[in-house]
Amino acid sequence: MTPVTTSGLNALEQHYRSLQDKVAFEESKDYGALVVPNGNASAPVHRWFHLKEAFSCQLVSRVIADLDLGRKDPLRVLDPFAGGGTTGVSLANLTAQRALSHVTFQGIECNPFIRGMTQVT
């Protein structure tokens, strides 16, 4: 393991600041409630297992609406931290409701406990 030095941390912090300066951020208070699992405890499938890292099952539909992705056909989504499957289940629900016509979804989860929890037999 490589030891972390103060100069290394300072260089990393400076690098991230330079990246942050290149990206415009707009604060949206209503998104704050969606990046935590609000509403999942009462939603079918989403209520089966509680993960503290989860986000609201309403976030996916909100992002798709705000970015006008509902008309993109096919919509391709990669979730590199699939967790309990909130993204995939939300996309399946939107497709069943005909809010999306065609979605290709790929979820990746490297945590063996979570991966085992989400495997369907």
C-alpha atoms as a PDB file:
ATOM      1  CA  MET A   1       0.000   0.000   0.000  1.00  0.00           C
ATOM      2  CA  THR A   2       1.321   3.426  -0.944  1.00  0.00           C
ATOM      3  CA  PRO A   3       1.452   5.925   1.928  1.00  0.00           C
ATOM      4  CA  VAL A   4      -0.564   9.114   1.489  1.00  0.00           C
ATOM      5  CA  THR A   5       1.441  12.313   1.804  1.00  0.00           C
ATOM      6  CA  THR A   6       0.251  15.821   2.563  1.00  0.00           C
ATOM      7  CA  SER A   7       1.569  17.035  -0.776  1.00  0.00           C
ATOM      8  CA  GLY A   8      -0.291  14.218  -2.531  1.00  0.00           C
ATOM      9  CA  LEU A   9      -3.542  15.144  -0.796  1.00  0.00           C
ATOM     10  CA  ASN A  10      -3.038  18.811  -1.653  1.00  0.00           C
ATOM     11  CA  ALA A  11      -2.413  17.948  -5.306  1.00  0.00           C
ATOM     12  CA  LEU A  12      -5.545  15.782  -5.396  1.00  0.00           C
ATOM     13  CA  GLU A  13      -7.636  18.525  -3.790  1.00  0.00           C
ATOM     14  CA  GLN A  14      -6.319  21.068  -6.300  1.00  0.00           C
ATOM     15  CA  HIS A  15      -7.117  18.683  -9.171  1.00  0.00           C
ATOM     16  CA  TYR A  16     -10.710  18.241  -7.993  1.00  0.00           C
ATOM     17  CA  ARG A  17     -11.131  21.995  -7.537  1.00  0.00           C
ATOM     18  CA  SER A  18      -9.987  22.568 -11.124  1.00  0.00           C
ATOM     19  CA  LEU A  19     -12.548  20.012 -12.339  1.00  0.00           C
ATOM     20  CA  GLN A  20     -15.283  21.615 -10.259  1.00  0.00           C
ATOM     21  CA  ASP A  21     -14.514  25.025 -11.740  1.00  0.00           C
ATOM     22  CA  LYS A  22     -15.191  23.643 -15.246  1.00  0.00           C
ATOM     23  CA  VAL A  23     -18.675  22.338 -14.459  1.00  0.00           C
ATOM     24  CA  ALA A  24     -21.717  24.529 -13.909  1.00  0.00           C
ATOM     25  CA  PHE A  25     -23.817  23.404 -10.962  1.00  0.00           C
ATOM     26  CA  GLU A  26     -27.382  24.404 -10.322  1.00  0.00           C
ATOM     27  CA  GLU A  27     -28.869  23.622  -6.939  1.00  0.00           C
ATOM     28  CA  SER A  28     -32.328  22.105  -6.959  1.00  0.00           C
ATOM     29  CA  LYS A  29     -33.831  21.660  -3.521  1.00  0.00           C
ATOM     30  CA  ASP A  30     -36.536  19.291  -4.743  1.00  0.00           C
ATOM     31  CA  TYR A  31     -33.904  16.811  -5.959  1.00  0.00           C
ATOM     32  CA  GLY A  32     -32.546  16.609  -2.395  1.00  0.00           C
ATOM     33  CA  ALA A  33     -35.480  14.472  -1.289  1.00  0.00           C
ATOM     34  CA  LEU A  34     -34.916  12.098  -4.215  1.00  0.00           C
ATOM     35  CA  VAL A  35     -31.278  11.200  -3.546  1.00  0.00           C
ATOM     36  CA  VAL A  36     -32.244   9.371  -0.349  1.00  0.00           C
ATOM     37  CA  PRO A  37     -34.682   6.426  -0.239  1.00  0.00           C
ATOM     38  CA  ASN A  38     -37.803   8.545   0.451  1.00  0.00           C
ATOM     39  CA  GLY A  39     -40.955   6.722  -0.603  1.00  0.00           C
ATOM     40  CA  ASN A  40     -39.282   3.333  -1.025  1.00  0.00           C
ATOM     41  CA  ALA A  41     -40.704   1.868   2.204  1.00  0.00           C
ATOM     42  CA  SER A  42     -44.209   1.900   0.727  1.00  0.00           C
ATOM     43  CA  ALA A  43     -43.363   1.131  -2.917  1.00  0.00           C
ATOM     44  CA  PRO A  44     -43.766  -2.441  -4.203  1.00  0.00           C
ATOM     45  CA  VAL A  45     -40.442  -4.265  -4.750  1.00  0.00           C
ATOM     46  CA  HIS A  46     -38.434  -1.278  -3.470  1.00  0.00           C
ATOM     47  CA  ARG A  47     -39.624  -1.963   0.090  1.00  0.00           C
ATOM     48  CA  TRP A  48     -38.301  -5.540   0.164  1.00  0.00           C
ATOM     49  CA  PHE A  49     -34.815  -4.673   1.340  1.00  0.00           C
ATOM     50  CA  HIS A  50     -33.559  -1.410   2.810  1.00  0.00           C
ATOM     51  CA  LEU A  51     -30.133  -0.118   1.794  1.00  0.00           C
ATOM     52  CA  LYS A  52     -28.837   3.092   3.347  1.00  0.00           C
ATOM     53  CA  GLU A  53     -27.073   3.891   0.052  1.00  0.00           C
ATOM     54  CA  ALA A  54     -30.340   3.717  -1.903  1.00  0.00           C
ATOM     55  CA  PHE A  55     -32.118   6.608  -3.587  1.00  0.00           C
ATOM     56  CA  SER A  56     -35.810   7.269  -4.079  1.00  0.00           C
ATOM     57  CA  CYS A  57     -37.592   5.087  -6.614  1.00  0.00           C
ATOM     58  CA  GLN A  58     -39.026   8.365  -7.979  1.00  0.00           C
ATOM     59  CA  LEU A  59     -35.594   9.714  -8.980  1.00  0.00           C
ATOM     60  CA  VAL A  60     -35.312   7.768 -12.253  1.00  0.00           C
ATOM     61  CA  SER A  61     -38.669   8.989 -13.594  1.00  0.00           C
ATOM     62  CA  ARG A  62     -37.818  12.555 -12.551  1.00  0.00           C
ATOM     63  CA  VAL A  63     -34.441  12.526 -14.330  1.00  0.00           C
ATOM     64  CA  ILE A  64     -35.989  11.002 -17.457  1.00  0.00           C
ATOM     65  CA  ALA A  65     -38.706  13.681 -17.473  1.00  0.00           C
ATOM     66  CA  ASP A  66     -36.332  16.584 -16.748  1.00  0.00           C
ATOM     67  CA  LEU A  67     -33.877  15.524 -19.451  1.00  0.00           C
ATOM     68  CA  ASP A  68     -36.683  14.614 -21.887  1.00  0.00           C
ATOM     69  CA  LEU A  69     -35.302  11.100 -22.320  1.00  0.00           C
ATOM     70  CA  GLY A  70     -38.727   9.474 -22.639  1.00  0.00           C
ATOM     71  CA  ARG A  71     -38.703  10.002 -26.399  1.00  0.00           C
ATOM     72  CA  LYS A  72     -35.219   8.548 -26.868  1.00  0.00           C
ATOM     73  CA  ASP A  73     -35.650   5.141 -28.474  1.00  0.00           C
ATOM     74  CA  PRO A  74     -34.002   2.968 -27.431  1.00  0.00           C
ATOM     75  CA  LEU A  75     -32.932   4.414 -24.104  1.00  0.00           C
ATOM     76  CA  ARG A  76     -29.735   2.744 -22.884  1.00  0.00           C
ATOM     77  CA  VAL A  77     -28.938   2.878 -19.166  1.00  0.00           C
ATOM     78  CA  LEU A  78     -25.854   1.569 -17.375  1.00  0.00           C
ATOM     79  CA  ASP A  79     -25.925   1.502 -13.578  1.00  0.00           C
ATOM     80  CA  PRO A  80     -22.378   0.743 -12.379  1.00  0.00           C
ATOM     81  CA  PHE A  81     -23.534   0.522  -8.740  1.00  0.00           C
ATOM     82  CA  ALA A  82     -26.813  -1.358  -9.167  1.00  0.00           C
ATOM     83  CA  GLY A  83     -27.317  -2.019  -5.447  1.00  0.00           C
ATOM     84  CA  GLY A  84     -30.833  -3.206  -4.740  1.00  0.00           C
ATOM     85  CA  GLY A  85     -31.951  -2.604  -8.312  1.00  0.00           C
ATOM     86  CA  THR A  86     -33.819   0.686  -7.917  1.00  0.00           C
ATOM     87  CA  THR A  87     -32.789   1.915 -11.376  1.00  0.00           C
ATOM     88  CA  GLY A  88     -33.720  -1.308 -13.168  1.00  0.00           C
ATOM     89  CA  VAL A  89     -37.032  -1.759 -11.361  1.00  0.00           C
ATOM     90  CA  SER A  90     -37.949   1.894 -11.922  1.00  0.00           C
ATOM     91  CA  LEU A  91     -37.190   1.564 -15.643  1.00  0.00           C
ATOM     92  CA  ALA A  92     -39.293  -1.616 -15.831  1.00  0.00           C
ATOM     93  CA  ASN A  93     -42.187   0.200 -14.136  1.00  0.00           C
ATOM     94  CA  LEU A  94     -41.916   3.147 -16.546  1.00  0.00           C
ATOM     95  CA  THR A  95     -41.944   0.728 -19.483  1.00  0.00           C
ATOM     96  CA  ALA A  96     -45.001  -1.093 -18.090  1.00  0.00           C
ATOM     97  CA  GLN A  97     -46.752   2.280 -17.683  1.00  0.00           C
ATOM     98  CA  ARG A  98     -45.819   3.093 -21.303  1.00  0.00           C
ATOM     99  CA  ALA A  99     -43.843   6.161 -20.208  1.00  0.00           C
ATOM    100  CA  LEU A 100     -40.909   4.555 -22.048  1.00  0.00           C
ATOM    101  CA  SER A 101     -41.183   2.473 -25.181  1.00  0.00           C
ATOM    102  CA  HIS A 102     -37.872   0.612 -25.232  1.00  0.00           C
ATOM    103  CA  VAL A 103     -35.124   0.453 -22.610  1.00  0.00           C
ATOM    104  CA  THR A 104     -31.886  -1.480 -22.542  1.00  0.00           C
ATOM    105  CA  PHE A 105     -30.578  -1.724 -18.986  1.00  0.00           C
ATOM    106  CA  GLN A 106     -27.341  -3.135 -17.623  1.00  0.00           C
ATOM    107  CA  GLY A 107     -26.640  -3.144 -13.904  1.00  0.00           C
ATOM    108  CA  ILE A 108     -23.309  -3.984 -12.302  1.00  0.00           C
ATOM    109  CA  GLU A 109     -22.827  -4.743  -8.607  1.00  0.00           C
ATOM    110  CA  CYS A 110     -19.548  -5.957  -7.139  1.00  0.00           C
ATOM    111  CA  ASN A 111     -20.661  -6.284  -3.498  1.00  0.00           C
ATOM    112  CA  PRO A 112     -21.287 -10.051  -3.150  1.00  0.00           C
ATOM    113  CA  PHE A 113     -23.950  -9.635  -0.450  1.00  0.00           C
ATOM    114  CA  ILE A 114     -25.989  -7.146  -2.459  1.00  0.00           C
ATOM    115  CA  ARG A 115     -25.476  -9.076  -5.695  1.00  0.00           C
ATOM    116  CA  GLY A 116     -26.762 -12.235  -4.018  1.00  0.00           C
ATOM    117  CA  MET A 117     -29.744 -10.382  -2.609  1.00  0.00           C
ATOM    118  CA  THR A 118     -30.836  -9.222  -6.057  1.00  0.00           C
ATOM    119  CA  GLN A 119     -30.387 -12.466  -7.983  1.00  0.00           C
ATOM    120  CA  VAL A 120     -33.654 -14.048  -9.005  1.00  0.00           C
ATOM    121  CA  THR A 121     -33.915 -17.838  -8.984  1.00  0.00           C
END
